[in-house]
PDB file of N, CA and C in Angstrom:
ATOM      1  N   MET A   1      56.732 -23.073  23.953  1.00  0.00           N
ATOM      2  CA  MET A   1      57.604 -24.173  24.348  1.00  0.00           C
ATOM      3  C   MET A   1      56.818 -25.482  24.447  1.00  0.00           C
ATOM      4  N   LYS A   2      55.573 -25.392  24.955  1.00  0.00           N
ATOM      5  CA  LYS A   2      54.754 -26.592  25.066  1.00  0.00           C
ATOM      6  C   LYS A   2      54.412 -27.155  23.698  1.00  0.00           C
ATOM      7  N   LEU A   3      54.243 -26.274  22.709  1.00  0.00           N
ATOM      8  CA  LEU A   3      53.959 -26.728  21.354  1.00  0.00           C
ATOM      9  C   LEU A   3      55.134 -27.537  20.808  1.00  0.00           C
ATOM     10  N   ILE A   4      56.327 -27.033  20.986  1.00  0.00           N
ATOM     11  CA  ILE A   4      57.520 -27.732  20.481  1.00  0.00           C
ATOM     12  C   ILE A   4      57.693 -29.067  21.180  1.00  0.00           C
ATOM     13  N   LEU A   5      57.494 -29.100  22.485  1.00  0.00           N
ATOM     14  CA  LEU A   5      57.614 -30.368  23.216  1.00  0.00           C
ATOM     15  C   LEU A   5      56.550 -31.365  22.785  1.00  0.00           C
ATOM     16  N   SER A   6      55.327 -30.890  22.552  1.00  0.00           N
ATOM     17  CA  SER A   6      54.280 -31.812  22.108  1.00  0.00           C
ATOM     18  C   SER A   6      54.571 -32.331  20.713  1.00  0.00           C
ATOM     19  N   LEU A   7      55.170 -31.509  19.859  1.00  0.00           N
ATOM     20  CA  LEU A   7      55.566 -31.982  18.536  1.00  0.00           C
ATOM     21  C   LEU A   7      56.677 -33.024  18.643  1.00  0.00           C
ATOM     22  N   LEU A   8      57.694 -32.721  19.431  1.00  0.00           N
ATOM     23  CA  LEU A   8      58.838 -33.635  19.556  1.00  0.00           C
ATOM     24  C   LEU A   8      58.457 -34.968  20.191  1.00  0.00           C
ATOM     25  N   PHE A   9      57.461 -34.951  21.088  1.00  0.00           N
ATOM     26  CA  PHE A   9      57.013 -36.185  21.729  1.00  0.00           C
ATOM     27  C   PHE A   9      55.817 -36.808  21.010  1.00  0.00           C
ATOM     28  N   LEU A  10      55.510 -36.282  19.797  1.00  0.00           N
ATOM     29  CA  LEU A  10      54.520 -36.860  18.889  1.00  0.00           C
ATOM     30  C   LEU A  10      53.124 -36.948  19.504  1.00  0.00           C
ATOM     31  N   LYS A  11      52.685 -35.864  20.122  1.00  0.00           N
ATOM     32  CA  LYS A  11      51.381 -35.821  20.780  1.00  0.00           C
ATOM     33  C   LYS A  11      50.309 -35.265  19.850  1.00  0.00           C
ATOM     34  N   CYS A  12      49.071 -35.455  20.232  1.00  0.00           N
ATOM     35  CA  CYS A  12      47.908 -34.952  19.499  1.00  0.00           C
ATOM     36  C   CYS A  12      48.002 -33.430  19.370  1.00  0.00           C
ATOM     37  N   PRO A  13      47.780 -32.873  18.180  1.00  0.00           N
ATOM     38  CA  PRO A  13      47.865 -31.416  18.043  1.00  0.00           C
ATOM     39  C   PRO A  13      46.705 -30.669  18.703  1.00  0.00           C
ATOM     40  N   SER A  14      45.619 -31.355  19.006  1.00  0.00           N
ATOM     41  CA  SER A  14      44.465 -30.692  19.615  1.00  0.00           C
ATOM     42  C   SER A  14      44.568 -30.575  21.131  1.00  0.00           C
ATOM     43  N   CYS A  15      45.006 -31.640  21.792  1.00  0.00           N
ATOM     44  CA  CYS A  15      45.080 -31.608  23.256  1.00  0.00           C
ATOM     45  C   CYS A  15      46.519 -31.639  23.768  1.00  0.00           C
ATOM     46  N   ARG A  16      47.436 -32.064  22.937  1.00  0.00           N
ATOM     47  CA  ARG A  16      48.865 -32.170  23.277  1.00  0.00           C
ATOM     48  C   ARG A  16      49.127 -33.125  24.442  1.00  0.00           C
ATOM     49  N   LYS A  17      48.248 -34.115  24.607  1.00  0.00           N
ATOM     50  CA  LYS A  17      48.419 -35.069  25.701  1.00  0.00           C
ATOM     51  C   LYS A  17      48.526 -36.507  25.212  1.00  0.00           C
ATOM     52  N   ALA A  18      47.613 -36.929  24.371  1.00  0.00           N
ATOM     53  CA  ALA A  18      47.597 -38.314  23.895  1.00  0.00           C
ATOM     54  C   ALA A  18      48.530 -38.474  22.690  1.00  0.00           C
ATOM     55  N   ASN A  19      48.933 -39.692  22.437  1.00  0.00           N
ATOM     56  CA  ASN A  19      49.814 -39.969  21.309  1.00  0.00           C
ATOM     57  C   ASN A  19      49.031 -39.964  20.001  1.00  0.00           C
ATOM     58  N   LEU A  20      49.636 -39.416  18.956  1.00  0.00           N
ATOM     59  CA  LEU A  20      49.009 -39.427  17.642  1.00  0.00           C
ATOM     60  C   LEU A  20      49.133 -40.808  16.996  1.00  0.00           C
ATOM     61  N   PHE A  21      50.220 -41.517  17.300  1.00  0.00           N
ATOM     62  CA  PHE A  21      50.479 -42.825  16.702  1.00  0.00           C
ATOM     63  C   PHE A  21      50.193 -43.944  17.690  1.00  0.00           C
ATOM     64  N   LYS A  22      49.837 -45.100  17.157  1.00  0.00           N
ATOM     65  CA  LYS A  22      49.557 -46.263  18.001  1.00  0.00           C
ATOM     66  C   LYS A  22      50.837 -46.820  18.616  1.00  0.00           C
ATOM     67  N   ASN A  23      51.945 -46.733  17.895  1.00  0.00           N
ATOM     68  CA  ASN A  23      53.219 -47.293  18.355  1.00  0.00           C
ATOM     69  C   ASN A  23      54.319 -46.247  18.253  1.00  0.00           C
ATOM     70  N   PRO A  24      55.365 -46.377  19.069  1.00  0.00           N
ATOM     71  CA  PRO A  24      56.489 -45.444  18.981  1.00  0.00           C
ATOM     72  C   PRO A  24      57.272 -45.631  17.675  1.00  0.00           C
ATOM     73  N   PRO A  25      58.134 -44.670  17.311  1.00  0.00           N
ATOM     74  CA  PRO A  25      58.828 -44.715  16.023  1.00  0.00           C
ATOM     75  C   PRO A  25      59.660 -45.975  15.772  1.00  0.00           C
ATOM     76  N   TYR A  26      60.266 -46.524  16.779  1.00  0.00           N
ATOM     77  CA  TYR A  26      61.141 -47.675  16.578  1.00  0.00           C
ATOM     78  C   TYR A  26      60.506 -48.965  17.092  1.00  0.00           C
ATOM     79  N   SER A  27      59.207 -49.066  16.974  1.00  0.00           N
ATOM     80  CA  SER A  27      58.479 -50.239  17.434  1.00  0.00           C
ATOM     81  C   SER A  27      58.489 -51.315  16.351  1.00  0.00           C
ATOM     82  N   PHE A  28      58.612 -52.562  16.771  1.00  0.00           N
ATOM     83  CA  PHE A  28      58.558 -53.666  15.824  1.00  0.00           C
ATOM     84  C   PHE A  28      57.117 -53.997  15.441  1.00  0.00           C
ATOM     85  N   GLN A  29      56.156 -53.408  16.131  1.00  0.00           N
ATOM     86  CA  GLN A  29      54.747 -53.634  15.818  1.00  0.00           C
ATOM     87  C   GLN A  29      54.284 -52.755  14.666  1.00  0.00           C
ATOM     88  N   GLY A  30      55.099 -51.854  14.236  1.00  0.00           N
ATOM     89  CA  GLY A  30      54.764 -50.977  13.123  1.00  0.00           C
ATOM     90  C   GLY A  30      54.626 -49.538  13.566  1.00  0.00           C
ATOM     91  N   PHE A  31      55.396 -48.673  12.943  1.00  0.00           N
ATOM     92  CA  PHE A  31      55.369 -47.264  13.317  1.00  0.00           C
ATOM     93  C   PHE A  31      54.480 -46.441  12.383  1.00  0.00           C
ATOM     94  N   LEU A  32      53.794 -47.089  11.439  1.00  0.00           N
ATOM     95  CA  LEU A  32      53.011 -46.371  10.448  1.00  0.00           C
ATOM     96  C   LEU A  32      51.574 -46.080  10.881  1.00  0.00           C
ATOM     97  N   LYS A  33      51.086 -46.752  11.899  1.00  0.00           N
ATOM     98  CA  LYS A  33      49.667 -46.682  12.257  1.00  0.00           C
ATOM     99  C   LYS A  33      49.347 -45.445  13.096  1.00  0.00           C
ATOM    100  N   ILE A  34      48.421 -44.647  12.563  1.00  0.00           N
ATOM    101  CA  ILE A  34      47.956 -43.443  13.254  1.00  0.00           C
ATOM    102  C   ILE A  34      46.644 -43.782  13.947  1.00  0.00           C
ATOM    103  N   ASN A  35      46.474 -43.293  15.165  1.00  0.00           N
ATOM    104  CA  ASN A  35      45.187 -43.459  15.839  1.00  0.00           C
ATOM    105  C   ASN A  35      44.110 -42.727  15.045  1.00  0.00           C
ATOM    106  N   LYS A  36      42.960 -43.337  14.884  1.00  0.00           N
ATOM    107  CA  LYS A  36      41.880 -42.701  14.128  1.00  0.00           C
ATOM    108  C   LYS A  36      41.235 -41.580  14.937  1.00  0.00           C
ATOM    109  N   ILE A  37      41.161 -41.792  16.254  1.00  0.00           N
ATOM    110  CA  ILE A  37      40.551 -40.806  17.155  1.00  0.00           C
ATOM    111  C   ILE A  37      41.454 -40.642  18.371  1.00  0.00           C
ATOM    112  N   CYS A  38      41.628 -39.412  18.809  1.00  0.00           N
ATOM    113  CA  CYS A  38      42.455 -39.146  19.994  1.00  0.00           C
ATOM    114  C   CYS A  38      41.780 -39.747  21.227  1.00  0.00           C
ATOM    115  N   SER A  39      42.548 -40.435  22.031  1.00  0.00           N
ATOM    116  CA  SER A  39      41.998 -41.066  23.229  1.00  0.00           C
ATOM    117  C   SER A  39      41.653 -40.046  24.320  1.00  0.00           C
ATOM    118  N   ASN A  40      42.205 -38.851  24.234  1.00  0.00           N
ATOM    119  CA  ASN A  40      41.952 -37.841  25.257  1.00  0.00           C
ATOM    120  C   ASN A  40      40.845 -36.855  24.853  1.00  0.00           C
ATOM    121  N   CYS A  41      40.975 -36.230  23.700  1.00  0.00           N
ATOM    122  CA  CYS A  41      40.034 -35.168  23.306  1.00  0.00           C
ATOM    123  C   CYS A  41      39.033 -35.609  22.240  1.00  0.00           C
ATOM    124  N   LYS A  42      39.142 -36.837  21.790  1.00  0.00           N
ATOM    125  CA  LYS A  42      38.225 -37.421  20.798  1.00  0.00           C
ATOM    126  C   LYS A  42      38.268 -36.725  19.441  1.00  0.00           C
ATOM    127  N   THR A  43      39.386 -36.100  19.083  1.00  0.00           N
ATOM    128  CA  THR A  43      39.550 -35.500  17.765  1.00  0.00           C
ATOM    129  C   THR A  43      39.683 -36.605  16.727  1.00  0.00           C
ATOM    130  N   ASN A  44      38.950 -36.473  15.626  1.00  0.00           N
ATOM    131  CA  ASN A  44      39.016 -37.435  14.537  1.00  0.00           C
ATOM    132  C   ASN A  44      40.146 -37.028  13.600  1.00  0.00           C
ATOM    133  N   PHE A  45      41.155 -37.886  13.452  1.00  0.00           N
ATOM    134  CA  PHE A  45      42.308 -37.572  12.617  1.00  0.00           C
ATOM    135  C   PHE A  45      42.088 -37.934  11.155  1.00  0.00           C
ATOM    136  N   ASN A  46      40.984 -38.585  10.828  1.00  0.00           N
ATOM    137  CA  ASN A  46      40.667 -38.902   9.439  1.00  0.00           C
ATOM    138  C   ASN A  46      39.913 -37.738   8.816  1.00  0.00           C
ATOM    139  N   LYS A  47      40.612 -36.640   8.637  1.00  0.00           N
ATOM    140  CA  LYS A  47      39.998 -35.416   8.109  1.00  0.00           C
ATOM    141  C   LYS A  47      39.435 -35.660   6.707  1.00  0.00           C
ATOM    142  N   GLU A  48      40.206 -36.327   5.864  1.00  0.00           N
ATOM    143  CA  GLU A  48      39.781 -36.697   4.525  1.00  0.00           C
ATOM    144  C   GLU A  48      40.746 -37.768   4.013  1.00  0.00           C
ATOM    145  N   PRO A  49      40.369 -38.487   2.963  1.00  0.00           N
ATOM    146  CA  PRO A  49      41.305 -39.482   2.417  1.00  0.00           C
ATOM    147  C   PRO A  49      42.586 -38.792   1.937  1.00  0.00           C
ATOM    148  N   SER A  50      43.682 -39.421   2.170  1.00  0.00           N
ATOM    149  CA  SER A  50      44.997 -38.911   1.752  1.00  0.00           C
ATOM    150  C   SER A  50      45.378 -37.599   2.429  1.00  0.00           C
ATOM    151  N   PHE A  51      44.821 -37.324   3.594  1.00  0.00           N
ATOM    152  CA  PHE A  51      45.111 -36.073   4.298  1.00  0.00           C
ATOM    153  C   PHE A  51      46.596 -35.943   4.620  1.00  0.00           C
ATOM    154  N   PHE A  52      47.220 -37.022   5.033  1.00  0.00           N
ATOM    155  CA  PHE A  52      48.607 -36.953   5.489  1.00  0.00           C
ATOM    156  C   PHE A  52      49.625 -37.001   4.352  1.00  0.00           C
ATOM    157  N   TYR A  53      49.185 -36.995   3.094  1.00  0.00           N
ATOM    158  CA  TYR A  53      50.131 -36.964   1.977  1.00  0.00           C
ATOM    159  C   TYR A  53      50.967 -35.688   1.990  1.00  0.00           C
ATOM    160  N   GLY A  54      50.401 -34.616   2.478  1.00  0.00           N
ATOM    161  CA  GLY A  54      51.130 -33.356   2.548  1.00  0.00           C
ATOM    162  C   GLY A  54      52.314 -33.394   3.490  1.00  0.00           C
ATOM    163  N   SER A  55      52.308 -34.380   4.388  1.00  0.00           N
ATOM    164  CA  SER A  55      53.429 -34.482   5.325  1.00  0.00           C
ATOM    165  C   SER A  55      54.717 -34.908   4.624  1.00  0.00           C
ATOM    166  N   MET A  56      54.613 -35.364   3.378  1.00  0.00           N
ATOM    167  CA  MET A  56      55.821 -35.704   2.617  1.00  0.00           C
ATOM    168  C   MET A  56      56.706 -34.476   2.448  1.00  0.00           C
ATOM    169  N   TYR A  57      56.078 -33.315   2.246  1.00  0.00           N
ATOM    170  CA  TYR A  57      56.848 -32.088   2.085  1.00  0.00           C
ATOM    171  C   TYR A  57      57.543 -31.700   3.393  1.00  0.00           C
ATOM    172  N   VAL A  58      56.859 -31.916   4.494  1.00  0.00           N
ATOM    173  CA  VAL A  58      57.457 -31.635   5.804  1.00  0.00           C
ATOM    174  C   VAL A  58      58.610 -32.604   6.050  1.00  0.00           C
ATOM    175  N   SER A  59      58.417 -33.862   5.710  1.00  0.00           N
ATOM    176  CA  SER A  59      59.459 -34.869   5.882  1.00  0.00           C
ATOM    177  C   SER A  59      60.691 -34.526   5.045  1.00  0.00           C
ATOM    178  N   TYR A  60      60.461 -34.086   3.829  1.00  0.00           N
ATOM    179  CA  TYR A  60      61.566 -33.677   2.963  1.00  0.00           C
ATOM    180  C   TYR A  60      62.334 -32.508   3.585  1.00  0.00           C
ATOM    181  N   ALA A  61      61.602 -31.519   4.083  1.00  0.00           N
ATOM    182  CA  ALA A  61      62.243 -30.354   4.699  1.00  0.00           C
ATOM    183  C   ALA A  61      63.042 -30.755   5.937  1.00  0.00           C
ATOM    184  N   LEU A  62      62.496 -31.667   6.742  1.00  0.00           N
ATOM    185  CA  LEU A  62      63.225 -32.139   7.928  1.00  0.00           C
ATOM    186  C   LEU A  62      64.488 -32.884   7.525  1.00  0.00           C
ATOM    187  N   GLY A  63      64.403 -33.700   6.488  1.00  0.00           N
ATOM    188  CA  GLY A  63      65.582 -34.437   6.017  1.00  0.00           C
ATOM    189  C   GLY A  63      66.663 -33.509   5.491  1.00  0.00           C
ATOM    190  N   VAL A  64      66.269 -32.496   4.731  1.00  0.00           N
ATOM    191  CA  VAL A  64      67.232 -31.523   4.215  1.00  0.00           C
ATOM    192  C   VAL A  64      67.841 -30.730   5.370  1.00  0.00           C
ATOM    193  N   GLY A  65      67.004 -30.305   6.305  1.00  0.00           N
ATOM    194  CA  GLY A  65      67.517 -29.566   7.461  1.00  0.00           C
ATOM    195  C   GLY A  65      68.492 -30.387   8.289  1.00  0.00           C
ATOM    196  N   LEU A  66      68.170 -31.658   8.493  1.00  0.00           N
ATOM    197  CA  LEU A  66      69.072 -32.548   9.228  1.00  0.00           C
ATOM    198  C   LEU A  66      70.387 -32.721   8.483  1.00  0.00           C
ATOM    199  N   SER A  67      70.321 -32.868   7.165  1.00  0.00           N
ATOM    200  CA  SER A  67      71.534 -33.032   6.357  1.00  0.00           C
ATOM    201  C   SER A  67      72.425 -31.806   6.437  1.00  0.00           C
ATOM    202  N   ILE A  68      71.822 -30.641   6.339  1.00  0.00           N
ATOM    203  CA  ILE A  68      72.599 -29.395   6.436  1.00  0.00           C
ATOM    204  C   ILE A  68      73.210 -29.251   7.827  1.00  0.00           C
ATOM    205  N   PHE A  69      72.429 -29.577   8.862  1.00  0.00           N
ATOM    206  CA  PHE A  69      72.936 -29.501  10.227  1.00  0.00           C
ATOM    207  C   PHE A  69      74.136 -30.432  10.422  1.00  0.00           C
ATOM    208  N   ILE A  70      74.048 -31.665   9.941  1.00  0.00           N
ATOM    209  CA  ILE A  70      75.148 -32.622  10.091  1.00  0.00           C
ATOM    210  C   ILE A  70      76.375 -32.146   9.329  1.00  0.00           C
ATOM    211  N   PHE A  71      76.166 -31.643   8.111  1.00  0.00           N
ATOM    212  CA  PHE A  71      77.289 -31.131   7.338  1.00  0.00           C
ATOM    213  C   PHE A  71      77.987 -29.986   8.062  1.00  0.00           C
ATOM    214  N   LEU A  72      77.204 -29.019   8.546  1.00  0.00           N
ATOM    215  CA  LEU A  72      77.800 -27.879   9.251  1.00  0.00           C
ATOM    216  C   LEU A  72      78.500 -28.311  10.535  1.00  0.00           C
ATOM    217  N   LEU A  73      77.908 -29.256  11.237  1.00  0.00           N
ATOM    218  CA  LEU A  73      78.530 -29.752  12.461  1.00  0.00           C
ATOM    219  C   LEU A  73      79.862 -30.431  12.156  1.00  0.00           C
ATOM    220  N   MET A  74      79.884 -31.252  11.127  1.00  0.00           N
ATOM    221  CA  MET A  74      81.134 -31.917  10.745  1.00  0.00           C
ATOM    222  C   MET A  74      82.177 -30.901  10.292  1.00  0.00           C
ATOM    223  N   TYR A  75      81.743 -29.902   9.549  1.00  0.00           N
ATOM    224  CA  TYR A  75      82.660 -28.883   9.037  1.00  0.00           C
ATOM    225  C   TYR A  75      83.247 -28.059  10.180  1.00  0.00           C
ATOM    226  N   LEU A  76      82.384 -27.633  11.112  1.00  0.00           N
ATOM    227  CA  LEU A  76      82.855 -26.791  12.221  1.00  0.00           C
ATOM    228  C   LEU A  76      83.733 -27.554  13.201  1.00  0.00           C
ATOM    229  N   LEU A  77      83.493 -28.863  13.336  1.00  0.00           N
ATOM    230  CA  LEU A  77      84.321 -29.670  14.239  1.00  0.00           C
ATOM    231  C   LEU A  77      85.573 -30.211  13.554  1.00  0.00           C
ATOM    232  N   GLY A  78      85.749 -29.881  12.285  1.00  0.00           N
ATOM    233  CA  GLY A  78      86.930 -30.321  11.548  1.00  0.00           C
ATOM    234  C   GLY A  78      86.907 -31.795  11.193  1.00  0.00           C
ATOM    235  N   MET A  79      85.730 -32.384  11.121  1.00  0.00           N
ATOM    236  CA  MET A  79      85.607 -33.812  10.819  1.00  0.00           C
ATOM    237  C   MET A  79      85.125 -34.055   9.390  1.00  0.00           C
ATOM    238  N   ALA A  80      85.082 -33.002   8.578  1.00  0.00           N
ATOM    239  CA  ALA A  80      84.476 -33.121   7.255  1.00  0.00           C
ATOM    240  C   ALA A  80      85.218 -34.118   6.372  1.00  0.00           C
ATOM    241  N   GLY A  81      86.485 -33.946   6.157  1.00  0.00           N
ATOM    242  CA  GLY A  81      87.245 -34.886   5.339  1.00  0.00           C
ATOM    243  C   GLY A  81      86.761 -34.938   3.910  1.00  0.00           C
ATOM    244  N   SER A  82      86.660 -36.133   3.380  1.00  0.00           N
ATOM    245  CA  SER A  82      86.274 -36.305   1.974  1.00  0.00           C
ATOM    246  C   SER A  82      84.764 -36.183   1.792  1.00  0.00           C
ATOM    247  N   PRO A  83      84.338 -35.858   0.574  1.00  0.00           N
ATOM    248  CA  PRO A  83      82.893 -35.797   0.297  1.00  0.00           C
ATOM    249  C   PRO A  83      82.184 -37.138   0.539  1.00  0.00           C
ATOM    250  N   LEU A  84      82.882 -38.245   0.291  1.00  0.00           N
ATOM    251  CA  LEU A  84      82.281 -39.560   0.527  1.00  0.00           C
ATOM    252  C   LEU A  84      82.013 -39.774   2.019  1.00  0.00           C
ATOM    253  N   LYS A  85      82.943 -39.352   2.862  1.00  0.00           N
ATOM    254  CA  LYS A  85      82.754 -39.476   4.310  1.00  0.00           C
ATOM    255  C   LYS A  85      81.560 -38.641   4.776  1.00  0.00           C
ATOM    256  N   ILE A  86      81.446 -37.446   4.241  1.00  0.00           N
ATOM    257  CA  ILE A  86      80.318 -36.574   4.593  1.00  0.00           C
ATOM    258  C   ILE A  86      79.009 -37.209   4.137  1.00  0.00           C
ATOM    259  N   PHE A  87      78.985 -37.687   2.899  1.00  0.00           N
ATOM    260  CA  PHE A  87      77.780 -38.305   2.352  1.00  0.00           C
ATOM    261  C   PHE A  87      77.361 -39.525   3.167  1.00  0.00           C
ATOM    262  N   LEU A  88      78.302 -40.396   3.505  1.00  0.00           N
ATOM    263  CA  LEU A  88      77.972 -41.603   4.257  1.00  0.00           C
ATOM    264  C   LEU A  88      77.500 -41.282   5.670  1.00  0.00           C
ATOM    265  N   THR A  89      78.079 -40.261   6.284  1.00  0.00           N
ATOM    266  CA  THR A  89      77.642 -39.844   7.623  1.00  0.00           C
ATOM    267  C   THR A  89      76.221 -39.306   7.582  1.00  0.00           C
ATOM    268  N   ILE A  90      75.944 -38.452   6.605  1.00  0.00           N
ATOM    269  CA  ILE A  90      74.585 -37.913   6.457  1.00  0.00           C
ATOM    270  C   ILE A  90      73.604 -39.032   6.157  1.00  0.00           C
ATOM    271  N   LEU A  91      73.979 -39.932   5.268  1.00  0.00           N
ATOM    272  CA  LEU A  91      73.115 -41.064   4.916  1.00  0.00           C
ATOM    273  C   LEU A  91      72.809 -41.925   6.132  1.00  0.00           C
ATOM    274  N   PHE A  92      73.805 -42.169   6.966  1.00  0.00           N
ATOM    275  CA  PHE A  92      73.604 -42.964   8.170  1.00  0.00           C
ATOM    276  C   PHE A  92      72.583 -42.315   9.098  1.00  0.00           C
ATOM    277  N   PHE A  93      72.757 -41.022   9.385  1.00  0.00           N
ATOM    278  CA  PHE A  93      71.869 -40.353  10.331  1.00  0.00           C
ATOM    279  C   PHE A  93      70.453 -40.186   9.788  1.00  0.00           C
ATOM    280  N   VAL A  94      70.323 -39.868   8.508  1.00  0.00           N
ATOM    281  CA  VAL A  94      68.992 -39.716   7.926  1.00  0.00           C
ATOM    282  C   VAL A  94      68.270 -41.065   7.915  1.00  0.00           C
ATOM    283  N   THR A  95      68.992 -42.132   7.604  1.00  0.00           N
ATOM    284  CA  THR A  95      68.387 -43.468   7.605  1.00  0.00           C
ATOM    285  C   THR A  95      68.022 -43.903   9.019  1.00  0.00           C
ATOM    286  N   ALA A  96      68.905 -43.664   9.964  1.00  0.00           N
ATOM    287  CA  ALA A  96      68.644 -44.074  11.348  1.00  0.00           C
ATOM    288  C   ALA A  96      67.480 -43.299  11.959  1.00  0.00           C
ATOM    289  N   LEU A  97      67.323 -42.052  11.575  1.00  0.00           N
ATOM    290  CA  LEU A  97      66.262 -41.220  12.140  1.00  0.00           C
ATOM    291  C   LEU A  97      64.988 -41.206  11.294  1.00  0.00           C
ATOM    292  N   SER A  98      64.946 -41.938  10.197  1.00  0.00           N
ATOM    293  CA  SER A  98      63.785 -41.864   9.306  1.00  0.00           C
ATOM    294  C   SER A  98      62.465 -42.291   9.947  1.00  0.00           C
ATOM    295  N   PRO A  99      62.379 -43.312  10.817  1.00  0.00           N
ATOM    296  CA  PRO A  99      61.081 -43.580  11.456  1.00  0.00           C
ATOM    297  C   PRO A  99      60.592 -42.416  12.316  1.00  0.00           C
ATOM    298  N   TYR A 100      61.496 -41.780  13.028  1.00  0.00           N
ATOM    299  CA  TYR A 100      61.109 -40.629  13.850  1.00  0.00           C
ATOM    300  C   TYR A 100      60.719 -39.443  12.968  1.00  0.00           C
ATOM    301  N   ILE A 101      61.492 -39.197  11.906  1.00  0.00           N
ATOM    302  CA  ILE A 101      61.178 -38.108  10.981  1.00  0.00           C
ATOM    303  C   ILE A 101      59.819 -38.342  10.334  1.00  0.00           C
ATOM    304  N   TYR A 102      59.519 -39.587   9.995  1.00  0.00           N
ATOM    305  CA  TYR A 102      58.227 -39.938   9.405  1.00  0.00           C
ATOM    306  C   TYR A 102      57.087 -39.534  10.338  1.00  0.00           C
ATOM    307  N   GLN A 103      57.183 -39.934  11.593  1.00  0.00           N
ATOM    308  CA  GLN A 103      56.118 -39.609  12.547  1.00  0.00           C
ATOM    309  C   GLN A 103      56.087 -38.117  12.869  1.00  0.00           C
ATOM    310  N   LEU A 104      57.242 -37.510  13.043  1.00  0.00           N
ATOM    311  CA  LEU A 104      57.303 -36.083  13.349  1.00  0.00           C
ATOM    312  C   LEU A 104      56.689 -35.250  12.227  1.00  0.00           C
ATOM    313  N   SER A 105      56.934 -35.628  10.988  1.00  0.00           N
ATOM    314  CA  SER A 105      56.373 -34.867   9.865  1.00  0.00           C
ATOM    315  C   SER A 105      54.852 -34.940   9.858  1.00  0.00           C
ATOM    316  N   LYS A 106      54.287 -36.067  10.230  1.00  0.00           N
ATOM    317  CA  LYS A 106      52.827 -36.195  10.278  1.00  0.00           C
ATOM    318  C   LYS A 106      52.242 -35.366  11.420  1.00  0.00           C
ATOM    319  N   VAL A 107      52.928 -35.315  12.552  1.00  0.00           N
ATOM    320  CA  VAL A 107      52.454 -34.502  13.675  1.00  0.00           C
ATOM    321  C   VAL A 107      52.522 -33.015  13.318  1.00  0.00           C
ATOM    322  N   ILE A 108      53.599 -32.599  12.683  1.00  0.00           N
ATOM    323  CA  ILE A 108      53.728 -31.194  12.274  1.00  0.00           C
ATOM    324  C   ILE A 108      52.649 -30.849  11.251  1.00  0.00           C
ATOM    325  N   TRP A 109      52.429 -31.729  10.274  1.00  0.00           N
ATOM    326  CA  TRP A 109      51.405 -31.491   9.262  1.00  0.00           C
ATOM    327  C   TRP A 109      50.023 -31.370   9.911  1.00  0.00           C
ATOM    328  N   ALA A 110      49.721 -32.275  10.825  1.00  0.00           N
ATOM    329  CA  ALA A 110      48.416 -32.239  11.495  1.00  0.00           C
ATOM    330  C   ALA A 110      48.255 -30.971  12.329  1.00  0.00           C
ATOM    331  N   SER A 111      49.342 -30.478  12.899  1.00  0.00           N
ATOM    332  CA  SER A 111      49.237 -29.277  13.738  1.00  0.00           C
ATOM    333  C   SER A 111      48.903 -28.030  12.923  1.00  0.00           C
ATOM    334  N   PHE A 112      49.110 -28.077  11.600  1.00  0.00           N
ATOM    335  CA  PHE A 112      48.694 -26.963  10.747  1.00  0.00           C
ATOM    336  C   PHE A 112      47.176 -26.899  10.607  1.00  0.00           C
ATOM    337  N   PHE A 113      46.503 -28.036  10.758  1.00  0.00           N
ATOM    338  CA  PHE A 113      45.083 -28.125  10.442  1.00  0.00           C
ATOM    339  C   PHE A 113      44.170 -28.366  11.643  1.00  0.00           C
ATOM    340  N   PHE A 114      44.711 -28.841  12.756  1.00  0.00           N
ATOM    341  CA  PHE A 114      43.905 -29.083  13.943  1.00  0.00           C
ATOM    342  C   PHE A 114      44.224 -28.017  14.978  1.00  0.00           C
ATOM    343  N   ARG A 115      43.210 -27.310  15.422  1.00  0.00           N
ATOM    344  CA  ARG A 115      43.368 -26.218  16.379  1.00  0.00           C
ATOM    345  C   ARG A 115      43.590 -26.776  17.781  1.00  0.00           C
ATOM    346  N   PHE A 116      44.477 -26.136  18.541  1.00  0.00           N
ATOM    347  CA  PHE A 116      44.716 -26.507  19.923  1.00  0.00           C
ATOM    348  C   PHE A 116      43.505 -26.115  20.749  1.00  0.00           C
ATOM    349  N   LYS A 117      42.945 -27.083  21.483  1.00  0.00           N
ATOM    350  CA  LYS A 117      41.723 -26.841  22.252  1.00  0.00           C
ATOM    351  C   LYS A 117      41.989 -26.394  23.682  1.00  0.00           C
ATOM    352  N   GLY A 118      43.173 -26.653  24.173  1.00  0.00           N
ATOM    353  CA  GLY A 118      43.527 -26.230  25.525  1.00  0.00           C
ATOM    354  C   GLY A 118      42.727 -26.938  26.587  1.00  0.00           C
ATOM    355  N   SER A 119      42.202 -26.175  27.544  1.00  0.00           N
ATOM    356  CA  SER A 119      41.489 -26.761  28.664  1.00  0.00           C
ATOM    357  C   SER A 119      40.132 -27.322  28.267  1.00  0.00           C
ATOM    358  N   GLU A 120      39.576 -26.904  27.123  1.00  0.00           N
ATOM    359  CA  GLU A 120      38.279 -27.412  26.716  1.00  0.00           C
ATOM    360  C   GLU A 120      38.372 -28.823  26.131  1.00  0.00           C
ATOM    361  N   SER A 121      39.598 -29.379  26.017  1.00  0.00           N
ATOM    362  CA  SER A 121      39.765 -30.707  25.447  1.00  0.00           C
ATOM    363  C   SER A 121      39.353 -31.821  26.409  1.00  0.00           C
ATOM    364  N   LYS A 122      39.043 -31.496  27.652  1.00  0.00           N
ATOM    365  CA  LYS A 122      38.609 -32.494  28.629  1.00  0.00           C
ATOM    366  C   LYS A 122      37.094 -32.672  28.513  1.00  0.00           C
ATOM    367  N   LYS A 123      36.695 -33.673  27.750  1.00  0.00           N
ATOM    368  CA  LYS A 123      35.254 -33.908  27.532  1.00  0.00           C
ATOM    369  C   LYS A 123      34.784 -35.089  28.299  1.00  0.00           C
TER     370      LYS A 123
END
């Protein structure tokens, strides 16, 4: 459960305490900037050049999953209507959530490669 919460709140995959990004997803200062080093456990996030390119696949999967979820929700609630209405609703939610999906995909990708340090992360 702590892993899921740390992913959803965009925390460092090594210590699950500090933020992976410099700014929150909907910040006007820019949501693209990743901290180079964790402020809590000192993990270096610059594993190699282009390391986070793999998060594109995670982002795609999250977008598809969100689209399917919205479609099923609309269908089960009887709000489906025309295909255009469904498409525009999905487009709205995917577009509105894209900054969060962008950051979440990078946190999920990083959690595949950075081991959780637990209590030893206090250096």
